[in-house]
Amino acid sequence: AKNTVYLQMNSLKPDDTAVYYCNAVLLWQNFWGQGTQVTVSS
């Protein structure tokens, strides 16, 4: 209903630090978002 996909991330670790990208597959096409930075400090 909200055209939204979520990623709930728990128990985060420093190794999870990265830019996270959303990707949608429609038949033979791939679409990408611009990314969002996740930084996990120790």
PDB file of all heavy atoms in Angstrom:
ATOM      1  N   ALA A   1       0.815  -1.211   0.000  1.00  0.00           N
ATOM      2  CA  ALA A   1       0.000   0.000   0.000  1.00  0.00           C
ATOM      3  C   ALA A   1       0.854   1.269   0.000  1.00  0.00           C
ATOM      4  O   ALA A   1       0.445   2.316  -0.515  1.00  0.00           O
ATOM      5  CB  ALA A   1      -0.935   0.001   1.205  1.00  0.00           C
ATOM      6  N   LYS A   2       2.045   1.167   0.590  1.00  0.00           N
ATOM      7  CA  LYS A   2       2.944   2.326   0.659  1.00  0.00           C
ATOM      8  C   LYS A   2       4.059   2.244  -0.372  1.00  0.00           C
ATOM      9  O   LYS A   2       4.956   3.104  -0.380  1.00  0.00           O
ATOM     10  CB  LYS A   2       3.552   2.432   2.057  1.00  0.00           C
ATOM     11  CG  LYS A   2       2.535   2.722   3.146  1.00  0.00           C
ATOM     12  CD  LYS A   2       3.212   2.876   4.496  1.00  0.00           C
ATOM     13  CE  LYS A   2       2.180   3.224   5.577  1.00  0.00           C
ATOM     14  NZ  LYS A   2       2.821   3.364   6.912  1.00  0.00           N
ATOM     15  N   ASN A   3       4.031   1.212  -1.226  1.00  0.00           N
ATOM     16  CA  ASN A   3       5.089   1.016  -2.238  1.00  0.00           C
ATOM     17  C   ASN A   3       6.470   1.049  -1.593  1.00  0.00           C
ATOM     18  O   ASN A   3       7.411   1.641  -2.135  1.00  0.00           O
ATOM     19  CB  ASN A   3       4.999   2.089  -3.331  1.00  0.00           C
ATOM     20  CG  ASN A   3       3.738   1.954  -4.151  1.00  0.00           C
ATOM     21  OD1 ASN A   3       3.250   0.836  -4.378  1.00  0.00           O
ATOM     22  ND2 ASN A   3       3.185   3.057  -4.584  1.00  0.00           N
ATOM     23  N   THR A   4       6.585   0.394  -0.462  1.00  0.00           N
ATOM     24  CA  THR A   4       7.802   0.473   0.332  1.00  0.00           C
ATOM     25  C   THR A   4       8.271  -0.915   0.750  1.00  0.00           C
ATOM     26  O   THR A   4       7.455  -1.768   1.121  1.00  0.00           O
ATOM     27  CB  THR A   4       7.563   1.334   1.588  1.00  0.00           C
ATOM     28  OG1 THR A   4       7.141   2.644   1.190  1.00  0.00           O
ATOM     29  CG2 THR A   4       8.843   1.458   2.415  1.00  0.00           C
ATOM     30  N   VAL A   5       9.568  -1.094   0.676  1.00  0.00           N
ATOM     31  CA  VAL A   5      10.214  -2.298   1.201  1.00  0.00           C
ATOM     32  C   VAL A   5      11.139  -1.853   2.325  1.00  0.00           C
ATOM     33  O   VAL A   5      11.851  -0.846   2.198  1.00  0.00           O
ATOM     34  CB  VAL A   5      10.999  -3.033   0.105  1.00  0.00           C
ATOM     35  CG1 VAL A   5      11.828  -4.165   0.701  1.00  0.00           C
ATOM     36  CG2 VAL A   5      10.042  -3.576  -0.942  1.00  0.00           C
ATOM     37  N   TYR A   6      11.124  -2.608   3.405  1.00  0.00           N
ATOM     38  CA  TYR A   6      11.910  -2.268   4.585  1.00  0.00           C
ATOM     39  C   TYR A   6      13.022  -3.294   4.815  1.00  0.00           C
ATOM     40  O   TYR A   6      12.906  -4.452   4.424  1.00  0.00           O
ATOM     41  CB  TYR A   6      11.017  -2.231   5.829  1.00  0.00           C
ATOM     42  CG  TYR A   6       9.877  -1.266   5.732  1.00  0.00           C
ATOM     43  CD1 TYR A   6       8.589  -1.707   5.408  1.00  0.00           C
ATOM     44  CD2 TYR A   6      10.063   0.086   5.976  1.00  0.00           C
ATOM     45  CE1 TYR A   6       7.524  -0.828   5.327  1.00  0.00           C
ATOM     46  CE2 TYR A   6       9.005   0.982   5.894  1.00  0.00           C
ATOM     47  CZ  TYR A   6       7.743   0.513   5.565  1.00  0.00           C
ATOM     48  OH  TYR A   6       6.699   1.402   5.489  1.00  0.00           O
ATOM     49  N   LEU A   7      14.056  -2.838   5.484  1.00  0.00           N
ATOM     50  CA  LEU A   7      15.083  -3.744   5.984  1.00  0.00           C
ATOM     51  C   LEU A   7      15.297  -3.395   7.449  1.00  0.00           C
ATOM     52  O   LEU A   7      15.890  -2.360   7.760  1.00  0.00           O
ATOM     53  CB  LEU A   7      16.386  -3.624   5.195  1.00  0.00           C
ATOM     54  CG  LEU A   7      17.456  -4.634   5.593  1.00  0.00           C
ATOM     55  CD1 LEU A   7      17.026  -6.062   5.220  1.00  0.00           C
ATOM     56  CD2 LEU A   7      18.799  -4.304   4.937  1.00  0.00           C
ATOM     57  N   GLN A   8      14.768  -4.240   8.319  1.00  0.00           N
ATOM     58  CA  GLN A   8      14.972  -4.062   9.746  1.00  0.00           C
ATOM     59  C   GLN A   8      16.279  -4.722  10.127  1.00  0.00           C
ATOM     60  O   GLN A   8      16.463  -5.923   9.890  1.00  0.00           O
ATOM     61  CB  GLN A   8      13.823  -4.680  10.546  1.00  0.00           C
ATOM     62  CG  GLN A   8      13.984  -4.589  12.051  1.00  0.00           C
ATOM     63  CD  GLN A   8      13.906  -3.166  12.568  1.00  0.00           C
ATOM     64  OE1 GLN A   8      13.037  -2.398  12.149  1.00  0.00           O
ATOM     65  NE2 GLN A   8      14.803  -2.809  13.485  1.00  0.00           N
ATOM     66  N   MET A   9      17.178  -3.956  10.698  1.00  0.00           N
ATOM     67  CA  MET A   9      18.507  -4.457  11.036  1.00  0.00           C
ATOM     68  C   MET A   9      18.705  -4.374  12.545  1.00  0.00           C
ATOM     69  O   MET A   9      18.704  -3.275  13.109  1.00  0.00           O
ATOM     70  CB  MET A   9      19.578  -3.638  10.309  1.00  0.00           C
ATOM     71  CG  MET A   9      19.369  -3.580   8.812  1.00  0.00           C
ATOM     72  SD  MET A   9      20.726  -2.763   7.933  1.00  0.00           S
ATOM     73  CE  MET A   9      20.616  -1.117   8.600  1.00  0.00           C
ATOM     74  N   ASN A  10      18.857  -5.516  13.170  1.00  0.00           N
ATOM     75  CA  ASN A  10      19.070  -5.596  14.612  1.00  0.00           C
ATOM     76  C   ASN A  10      20.445  -6.173  14.917  1.00  0.00           C
ATOM     77  O   ASN A  10      21.084  -6.770  14.046  1.00  0.00           O
ATOM     78  CB  ASN A  10      17.989  -6.477  15.254  1.00  0.00           C
ATOM     79  CG  ASN A  10      16.593  -5.932  15.057  1.00  0.00           C
ATOM     80  OD1 ASN A  10      16.369  -4.718  15.006  1.00  0.00           O
ATOM     81  ND2 ASN A  10      15.620  -6.827  14.947  1.00  0.00           N
ATOM     82  N   SER A  11      20.869  -6.000  16.144  1.00  0.00           N
ATOM     83  CA  SER A  11      22.164  -6.536  16.595  1.00  0.00           C
ATOM     84  C   SER A  11      23.273  -6.167  15.617  1.00  0.00           C
ATOM     85  O   SER A  11      24.076  -7.004  15.200  1.00  0.00           O
ATOM     86  CB  SER A  11      22.082  -8.063  16.753  1.00  0.00           C
ATOM     87  OG  SER A  11      21.078  -8.427  17.663  1.00  0.00           O
ATOM     88  N   LEU A  12      23.310  -4.917  15.255  1.00  0.00           N
ATOM     89  CA  LEU A  12      24.267  -4.469  14.237  1.00  0.00           C
ATOM     90  C   LEU A  12      25.701  -4.608  14.726  1.00  0.00           C
ATOM     91  O   LEU A  12      26.005  -4.445  15.920  1.00  0.00           O
ATOM     92  CB  LEU A  12      23.974  -3.025  13.850  1.00  0.00           C
ATOM     93  CG  LEU A  12      22.777  -2.862  12.909  1.00  0.00           C
ATOM     94  CD1 LEU A  12      22.275  -1.427  12.910  1.00  0.00           C
ATOM     95  CD2 LEU A  12      23.151  -3.300  11.503  1.00  0.00           C
ATOM     96  N   LYS A  13      26.565  -4.911  13.777  1.00  0.00           N
ATOM     97  CA  LYS A  13      27.992  -5.096  14.038  1.00  0.00           C
ATOM     98  C   LYS A  13      28.785  -4.104  13.199  1.00  0.00           C
ATOM     99  O   LYS A  13      28.309  -3.651  12.151  1.00  0.00           O
ATOM    100  CB  LYS A  13      28.404  -6.516  13.651  1.00  0.00           C
ATOM    101  CG  LYS A  13      27.596  -7.622  14.282  1.00  0.00           C
ATOM    102  CD  LYS A  13      28.005  -8.979  13.711  1.00  0.00           C
ATOM    103  CE  LYS A  13      27.187 -10.101  14.310  1.00  0.00           C
ATOM    104  NZ  LYS A  13      27.566 -11.424  13.740  1.00  0.00           N
ATOM    105  N   PRO A  14      30.010  -3.801  13.606  1.00  0.00           N
ATOM    106  CA  PRO A  14      30.838  -2.915  12.782  1.00  0.00           C
ATOM    107  C   PRO A  14      31.001  -3.422  11.349  1.00  0.00           C
ATOM    108  O   PRO A  14      31.087  -2.604  10.417  1.00  0.00           O
ATOM    109  CB  PRO A  14      32.176  -2.899  13.532  1.00  0.00           C
ATOM    110  CG  PRO A  14      31.789  -3.108  14.960  1.00  0.00           C
ATOM    111  CD  PRO A  14      30.635  -4.075  14.917  1.00  0.00           C
ATOM    112  N   ASP A  15      30.998  -4.735  11.158  1.00  0.00           N
ATOM    113  CA  ASP A  15      31.115  -5.299   9.810  1.00  0.00           C
ATOM    114  C   ASP A  15      29.901  -4.998   8.936  1.00  0.00           C
ATOM    115  O   ASP A  15      29.947  -5.220   7.724  1.00  0.00           O
ATOM    116  CB  ASP A  15      31.307  -6.818   9.875  1.00  0.00           C
ATOM    117  CG  ASP A  15      32.728  -7.207  10.272  1.00  0.00           C
ATOM    118  OD1 ASP A  15      33.596  -6.310  10.308  1.00  0.00           O
ATOM    119  OD2 ASP A  15      32.966  -8.390  10.559  1.00  0.00           O
ATOM    120  N   ASP A  16      28.821  -4.528   9.524  1.00  0.00           N
ATOM    121  CA  ASP A  16      27.645  -4.162   8.742  1.00  0.00           C
ATOM    122  C   ASP A  16      27.772  -2.762   8.139  1.00  0.00           C
ATOM    123  O   ASP A  16      26.910  -2.344   7.361  1.00  0.00           O
ATOM    124  CB  ASP A  16      26.386  -4.207   9.621  1.00  0.00           C
ATOM    125  CG  ASP A  16      26.062  -5.603  10.103  1.00  0.00           C
ATOM    126  OD1 ASP A  16      26.177  -6.556   9.303  1.00  0.00           O
ATOM    127  OD2 ASP A  16      25.687  -5.747  11.291  1.00  0.00           O
ATOM    128  N   THR A  17      28.817  -2.066   8.479  1.00  0.00           N
ATOM    129  CA  THR A  17      29.039  -0.726   7.935  1.00  0.00           C
ATOM    130  C   THR A  17      29.197  -0.787   6.426  1.00  0.00           C
ATOM    131  O   THR A  17      30.035  -1.531   5.903  1.00  0.00           O
ATOM    132  CB  THR A  17      30.291  -0.088   8.563  1.00  0.00           C
ATOM    133  OG1 THR A  17      30.055   0.104   9.966  1.00  0.00           O
ATOM    134  CG2 THR A  17      30.616   1.246   7.915  1.00  0.00           C
ATOM    135  N   ALA A  18      28.381  -0.007   5.724  1.00  0.00           N
ATOM    136  CA  ALA A  18      28.384  -0.035   4.257  1.00  0.00           C
ATOM    137  C   ALA A  18      27.353   0.972   3.751  1.00  0.00           C
ATOM    138  O   ALA A  18      26.548   1.500   4.528  1.00  0.00           O
ATOM    139  CB  ALA A  18      28.032  -1.426   3.742  1.00  0.00           C
ATOM    140  N   VAL A  19      27.381   1.177   2.452  1.00  0.00           N
ATOM    141  CA  VAL A  19      26.276   1.864   1.789  1.00  0.00           C
ATOM    142  C   VAL A  19      25.284   0.785   1.370  1.00  0.00           C
ATOM    143  O   VAL A  19      25.664  -0.202   0.732  1.00  0.00           O
ATOM    144  CB  VAL A  19      26.749   2.669   0.572  1.00  0.00           C
ATOM    145  CG1 VAL A  19      25.551   3.334  -0.115  1.00  0.00           C
ATOM    146  CG2 VAL A  19      27.770   3.716   0.982  1.00  0.00           C
ATOM    147  N   TYR A  20      24.035   0.983   1.739  1.00  0.00           N
ATOM    148  CA  TYR A  20      22.984   0.010   1.443  1.00  0.00           C
ATOM    149  C   TYR A  20      22.147   0.517   0.275  1.00  0.00           C
ATOM    150  O   TYR A  20      21.690   1.666   0.273  1.00  0.00           O
ATOM    151  CB  TYR A  20      22.123  -0.216   2.674  1.00  0.00           C
ATOM    152  CG  TYR A  20      22.790  -1.084   3.708  1.00  0.00           C
ATOM    153  CD1 TYR A  20      23.872  -0.615   4.446  1.00  0.00           C
ATOM    154  CD2 TYR A  20      22.372  -2.395   3.930  1.00  0.00           C
ATOM    155  CE1 TYR A  20      24.513  -1.419   5.382  1.00  0.00           C
ATOM    156  CE2 TYR A  20      23.000  -3.208   4.866  1.00  0.00           C
ATOM    157  CZ  TYR A  20      24.071  -2.705   5.578  1.00  0.00           C
ATOM    158  OH  TYR A  20      24.710  -3.514   6.504  1.00  0.00           O
ATOM    159  N   TYR A  21      21.951  -0.366  -0.699  1.00  0.00           N
ATOM    160  CA  TYR A  21      21.227  -0.020  -1.915  1.00  0.00           C
ATOM    161  C   TYR A  21      19.982  -0.892  -2.060  1.00  0.00           C
ATOM    162  O   TYR A  21      20.010  -2.092  -1.802  1.00  0.00           O
ATOM    163  CB  TYR A  21      22.105  -0.239  -3.142  1.00  0.00           C
ATOM    164  CG  TYR A  21      23.330   0.630  -3.213  1.00  0.00           C
ATOM    165  CD1 TYR A  21      24.542   0.186  -2.685  1.00  0.00           C
ATOM    166  CD2 TYR A  21      23.292   1.886  -3.819  1.00  0.00           C
ATOM    167  CE1 TYR A  21      25.681   0.971  -2.760  1.00  0.00           C
ATOM    168  CE2 TYR A  21      24.426   2.671  -3.898  1.00  0.00           C
ATOM    169  CZ  TYR A  21      25.612   2.215  -3.366  1.00  0.00           C
ATOM    170  OH  TYR A  21      26.742   2.996  -3.437  1.00  0.00           O
ATOM    171  N   CYS A  22      18.942  -0.268  -2.537  1.00  0.00           N
ATOM    172  CA  CYS A  22      17.714  -0.973  -2.888  1.00  0.00           C
ATOM    173  C   CYS A  22      17.749  -1.276  -4.383  1.00  0.00           C
ATOM    174  O   CYS A  22      18.164  -0.432  -5.189  1.00  0.00           O
ATOM    175  CB  CYS A  22      16.525  -0.081  -2.541  1.00  0.00           C
ATOM    176  SG  CYS A  22      14.924  -0.789  -2.905  1.00  0.00           S
ATOM    177  N   ASN A  23      17.311  -2.470  -4.746  1.00  0.00           N
ATOM    178  CA  ASN A  23      17.299  -2.911  -6.140  1.00  0.00           C
ATOM    179  C   ASN A  23      15.949  -3.543  -6.439  1.00  0.00           C
ATOM    180  O   ASN A  23      15.487  -4.395  -5.673  1.00  0.00           O
ATOM    181  CB  ASN A  23      18.432  -3.902  -6.365  1.00  0.00           C
ATOM    182  CG  ASN A  23      18.286  -4.680  -7.650  1.00  0.00           C
ATOM    183  OD1 ASN A  23      17.873  -5.833  -7.655  1.00  0.00           O
ATOM    184  ND2 ASN A  23      18.639  -4.051  -8.764  1.00  0.00           N
ATOM    185  N   ALA A  24      15.329  -3.139  -7.528  1.00  0.00           N
ATOM    186  CA  ALA A  24      14.050  -3.730  -7.935  1.00  0.00           C
ATOM    187  C   ALA A  24      14.212  -4.406  -9.287  1.00  0.00           C
ATOM    188  O   ALA A  24      14.820  -3.834 -10.205  1.00  0.00           O
ATOM    189  CB  ALA A  24      12.973  -2.657  -8.003  1.00  0.00           C
ATOM    190  N   VAL A  25      13.692  -5.609  -9.376  1.00  0.00           N
ATOM    191  CA  VAL A  25      13.770  -6.390 -10.607  1.00  0.00           C
ATOM    192  C   VAL A  25      12.389  -6.447 -11.239  1.00  0.00           C
ATOM    193  O   VAL A  25      11.414  -6.847 -10.582  1.00  0.00           O
ATOM    194  CB  VAL A  25      14.258  -7.817 -10.310  1.00  0.00           C
ATOM    195  CG1 VAL A  25      14.334  -8.615 -11.603  1.00  0.00           C
ATOM    196  CG2 VAL A  25      15.615  -7.784  -9.615  1.00  0.00           C
ATOM    197  N   LEU A  26      12.324  -6.023 -12.478  1.00  0.00           N
ATOM    198  CA  LEU A  26      11.069  -6.062 -13.236  1.00  0.00           C
ATOM    199  C   LEU A  26      11.374  -6.697 -14.575  1.00  0.00           C
ATOM    200  O   LEU A  26      11.982  -6.061 -15.448  1.00  0.00           O
ATOM    201  CB  LEU A  26      10.516  -4.646 -13.408  1.00  0.00           C
ATOM    202  CG  LEU A  26       9.210  -4.533 -14.196  1.00  0.00           C
ATOM    203  CD1 LEU A  26       8.097  -5.317 -13.510  1.00  0.00           C
ATOM    204  CD2 LEU A  26       8.802  -3.071 -14.351  1.00  0.00           C
ATOM    205  N   LEU A  27      11.003  -7.960 -14.705  1.00  0.00           N
ATOM    206  CA  LEU A  27      11.316  -8.756 -15.897  1.00  0.00           C
ATOM    207  C   LEU A  27      12.830  -8.725 -16.107  1.00  0.00           C
ATOM    208  O   LEU A  27      13.572  -9.194 -15.287  1.00  0.00           O
ATOM    209  CB  LEU A  27      10.537  -8.233 -17.091  1.00  0.00           C
ATOM    210  CG  LEU A  27       9.003  -8.300 -16.941  1.00  0.00           C
ATOM    211  CD1 LEU A  27       8.320  -7.707 -18.159  1.00  0.00           C
ATOM    212  CD2 LEU A  27       8.549  -9.720 -16.697  1.00  0.00           C
ATOM    213  N   TRP A  28      13.288  -8.162 -17.210  1.00  0.00           N
ATOM    214  CA  TRP A  28      14.717  -8.142 -17.512  1.00  0.00           C
ATOM    215  C   TRP A  28      15.406  -6.870 -17.015  1.00  0.00           C
ATOM    216  O   TRP A  28      16.594  -6.671 -17.208  1.00  0.00           O
ATOM    217  CB  TRP A  28      14.934  -8.264 -19.019  1.00  0.00           C
ATOM    218  CG  TRP A  28      14.367  -7.108 -19.785  1.00  0.00           C
ATOM    219  CD1 TRP A  28      15.018  -5.958 -20.126  1.00  0.00           C
ATOM    220  CD2 TRP A  28      13.031  -6.980 -20.265  1.00  0.00           C
ATOM    221  NE1 TRP A  28      14.165  -5.131 -20.803  1.00  0.00           N
ATOM    222  CE2 TRP A  28      12.941  -5.715 -20.906  1.00  0.00           C
ATOM    223  CE3 TRP A  28      11.895  -7.782 -20.237  1.00  0.00           C
ATOM    224  CZ2 TRP A  28      11.770  -5.266 -21.498  1.00  0.00           C
ATOM    225  CZ3 TRP A  28      10.737  -7.334 -20.828  1.00  0.00           C
ATOM    226  CH2 TRP A  28      10.671  -6.088 -21.447  1.00  0.00           C
ATOM    227  N   GLN A  29      14.674  -5.998 -16.360  1.00  0.00           N
ATOM    228  CA  GLN A  29      15.221  -4.704 -15.961  1.00  0.00           C
ATOM    229  C   GLN A  29      15.577  -4.671 -14.472  1.00  0.00           C
ATOM    230  O   GLN A  29      14.903  -5.277 -13.645  1.00  0.00           O
ATOM    231  CB  GLN A  29      14.208  -3.598 -16.250  1.00  0.00           C
ATOM    232  CG  GLN A  29      13.820  -3.471 -17.702  1.00  0.00           C
ATOM    233  CD  GLN A  29      12.781  -2.403 -17.910  1.00  0.00           C
ATOM    234  OE1 GLN A  29      13.101  -1.237 -18.128  1.00  0.00           O
ATOM    235  NE2 GLN A  29      11.519  -2.793 -17.800  1.00  0.00           N
ATOM    236  N   ASN A  30      16.640  -3.933 -14.194  1.00  0.00           N
ATOM    237  CA  ASN A  30      17.062  -3.707 -12.817  1.00  0.00           C
ATOM    238  C   ASN A  30      17.063  -2.211 -12.547  1.00  0.00           C
ATOM    239  O   ASN A  30      17.578  -1.431 -13.354  1.00  0.00           O
ATOM    240  CB  ASN A  30      18.470  -4.256 -12.584  1.00  0.00           C
ATOM    241  CG  ASN A  30      18.446  -5.708 -12.181  1.00  0.00           C
ATOM    242  OD1 ASN A  30      18.292  -6.039 -11.012  1.00  0.00           O
ATOM    243  ND2 ASN A  30      18.565  -6.580 -13.152  1.00  0.00           N
ATOM    244  N   PHE A  31      16.522  -1.827 -11.403  1.00  0.00           N
ATOM    245  CA  PHE A  31      16.500  -0.423 -11.006  1.00  0.00           C
ATOM    246  C   PHE A  31      17.189  -0.292  -9.651  1.00  0.00           C
ATOM    247  O   PHE A  31      17.041  -1.169  -8.787  1.00  0.00           O
ATOM    248  CB  PHE A  31      15.067   0.089 -10.923  1.00  0.00           C
ATOM    249  CG  PHE A  31      14.302  -0.047 -12.204  1.00  0.00           C
ATOM    250  CD1 PHE A  31      13.496  -1.153 -12.437  1.00  0.00           C
ATOM    251  CD2 PHE A  31      14.408   0.920 -13.201  1.00  0.00           C
ATOM    252  CE1 PHE A  31      12.792  -1.293 -13.626  1.00  0.00           C
ATOM    253  CE2 PHE A  31      13.710   0.792 -14.390  1.00  0.00           C
ATOM    254  CZ  PHE A  31      12.909  -0.314 -14.613  1.00  0.00           C
ATOM    255  N   TRP A  32      17.908   0.813  -9.486  1.00  0.00           N
ATOM    256  CA  TRP A  32      18.687   1.021  -8.270  1.00  0.00           C
ATOM    257  C   TRP A  32      18.360   2.362  -7.627  1.00  0.00           C
ATOM    258  O   TRP A  32      18.105   3.353  -8.319  1.00  0.00           O
ATOM    259  CB  TRP A  32      20.183   0.999  -8.599  1.00  0.00           C
ATOM    260  CG  TRP A  32      20.685  -0.342  -9.032  1.00  0.00           C
ATOM    261  CD1 TRP A  32      20.757  -0.821 -10.301  1.00  0.00           C
ATOM    262  CD2 TRP A  32      21.204  -1.381  -8.186  1.00  0.00           C
ATOM    263  NE1 TRP A  32      21.276  -2.088 -10.305  1.00  0.00           N
ATOM    264  CE2 TRP A  32      21.566  -2.454  -9.022  1.00  0.00           C
ATOM    265  CE3 TRP A  32      21.408  -1.507  -6.811  1.00  0.00           C
ATOM    266  CZ2 TRP A  32      22.101  -3.643  -8.529  1.00  0.00           C
ATOM    267  CZ3 TRP A  32      21.946  -2.679  -6.317  1.00  0.00           C
ATOM    268  CH2 TRP A  32      22.283  -3.724  -7.170  1.00  0.00           C
ATOM    269  N   GLY A  33      18.433   2.376  -6.316  1.00  0.00           N
ATOM    270  CA  GLY A  33      18.365   3.637  -5.600  1.00  0.00           C
ATOM    271  C   GLY A  33      19.752   4.244  -5.465  1.00  0.00           C
ATOM    272  O   GLY A  33      20.736   3.683  -5.941  1.00  0.00           O
ATOM    273  N   GLN A  34      19.820   5.376  -4.796  1.00  0.00           N
ATOM    274  CA  GLN A  34      21.082   6.104  -4.673  1.00  0.00           C
ATOM    275  C   GLN A  34      21.912   5.615  -3.490  1.00  0.00           C
ATOM    276  O   GLN A  34      23.100   5.943  -3.386  1.00  0.00           O
ATOM    277  CB  GLN A  34      20.818   7.611  -4.524  1.00  0.00           C
ATOM    278  CG  GLN A  34      20.441   8.075  -3.123  1.00  0.00           C
ATOM    279  CD  GLN A  34      19.037   7.662  -2.692  1.00  0.00           C
ATOM    280  OE1 GLN A  34      18.255   7.133  -3.493  1.00  0.00           O
ATOM    281  NE2 GLN A  34      18.711   7.901  -1.434  1.00  0.00           N
ATOM    282  N   GLY A  35      21.316   4.842  -2.611  1.00  0.00           N
ATOM    283  CA  GLY A  35      22.042   4.293  -1.473  1.00  0.00           C
ATOM    284  C   GLY A  35      21.890   5.130  -0.216  1.00  0.00           C
ATOM    285  O   GLY A  35      21.634   6.333  -0.274  1.00  0.00           O
ATOM    286  N   THR A  36      22.045   4.455   0.910  1.00  0.00           N
ATOM    287  CA  THR A  36      22.021   5.141   2.204  1.00  0.00           C
ATOM    288  C   THR A  36      23.139   4.561   3.072  1.00  0.00           C
ATOM    289  O   THR A  36      23.336   3.347   3.119  1.00  0.00           O
ATOM    290  CB  THR A  36      20.639   5.004   2.888  1.00  0.00           C
ATOM    291  OG1 THR A  36      20.619   5.774   4.088  1.00  0.00           O
ATOM    292  CG2 THR A  36      20.280   3.561   3.214  1.00  0.00           C
ATOM    293  N   GLN A  37      23.876   5.432   3.727  1.00  0.00           N
ATOM    294  CA  GLN A  37      25.045   5.018   4.500  1.00  0.00           C
ATOM    295  C   GLN A  37      24.629   4.507   5.875  1.00  0.00           C
ATOM    296  O   GLN A  37      23.866   5.167   6.590  1.00  0.00           O
ATOM    297  CB  GLN A  37      26.013   6.180   4.667  1.00  0.00           C
ATOM    298  CG  GLN A  37      27.218   5.887   5.544  1.00  0.00           C
ATOM    299  CD  GLN A  37      28.201   4.945   4.892  1.00  0.00           C
ATOM    300  OE1 GLN A  37      28.571   5.122   3.722  1.00  0.00           O
ATOM    301  NE2 GLN A  37      28.647   3.938   5.637  1.00  0.00           N
ATOM    302  N   VAL A  38      25.158   3.350   6.215  1.00  0.00           N
ATOM    303  CA  VAL A  38      25.000   2.793   7.566  1.00  0.00           C
ATOM    304  C   VAL A  38      26.392   2.649   8.163  1.00  0.00           C
ATOM    305  O   VAL A  38      27.260   2.018   7.560  1.00  0.00           O
ATOM    306  CB  VAL A  38      24.292   1.430   7.528  1.00  0.00           C
ATOM    307  CG1 VAL A  38      24.338   0.774   8.904  1.00  0.00           C
ATOM    308  CG2 VAL A  38      22.861   1.587   7.046  1.00  0.00           C
ATOM    309  N   THR A  39      26.579   3.252   9.315  1.00  0.00           N
ATOM    310  CA  THR A  39      27.861   3.173  10.002  1.00  0.00           C
ATOM    311  C   THR A  39      27.623   2.645  11.414  1.00  0.00           C
ATOM    312  O   THR A  39      26.821   3.202  12.159  1.00  0.00           O
ATOM    313  CB  THR A  39      28.544   4.544  10.071  1.00  0.00           C
ATOM    314  OG1 THR A  39      28.705   5.052   8.747  1.00  0.00           O
ATOM    315  CG2 THR A  39      29.914   4.427  10.735  1.00  0.00           C
ATOM    316  N   VAL A  40      28.321   1.551  11.741  1.00  0.00           N
ATOM    317  CA  VAL A  40      28.174   0.934  13.054  1.00  0.00           C
ATOM    318  C   VAL A  40      29.492   1.098  13.798  1.00  0.00           C
ATOM    319  O   VAL A  40      30.530   0.597  13.347  1.00  0.00           O
ATOM    320  CB  VAL A  40      27.801  -0.545  12.936  1.00  0.00           C
ATOM    321  CG1 VAL A  40      27.559  -1.146  14.324  1.00  0.00           C
ATOM    322  CG2 VAL A  40      26.576  -0.725  12.056  1.00  0.00           C
ATOM    323  N   SER A  41      29.443   1.788  14.909  1.00  0.00           N
ATOM    324  CA  SER A  41      30.657   2.016  15.690  1.00  0.00           C
ATOM    325  C   SER A  41      30.816   0.929  16.757  1.00  0.00           C
ATOM    326  O   SER A  41      29.836   0.402  17.283  1.00  0.00           O
ATOM    327  CB  SER A  41      30.608   3.386  16.355  1.00  0.00           C
ATOM    328  OG  SER A  41      29.530   3.454  17.264  1.00  0.00           O
ATOM    329  N   SER A  42      32.069   0.633  17.063  1.00  0.00           N
ATOM    330  CA  SER A  42      32.344  -0.424  18.057  1.00  0.00           C
ATOM    331  C   SER A  42      32.413   0.134  19.465  1.00  0.00           C
ATOM    332  O   SER A  42      32.405   1.327  19.668  1.00  0.00           O
ATOM    333  CB  SER A  42      33.646  -1.137  17.714  1.00  0.00           C
ATOM    334  OG  SER A  42      34.694  -0.195  17.652  1.00  0.00           O
TER     335      SER A  42
END
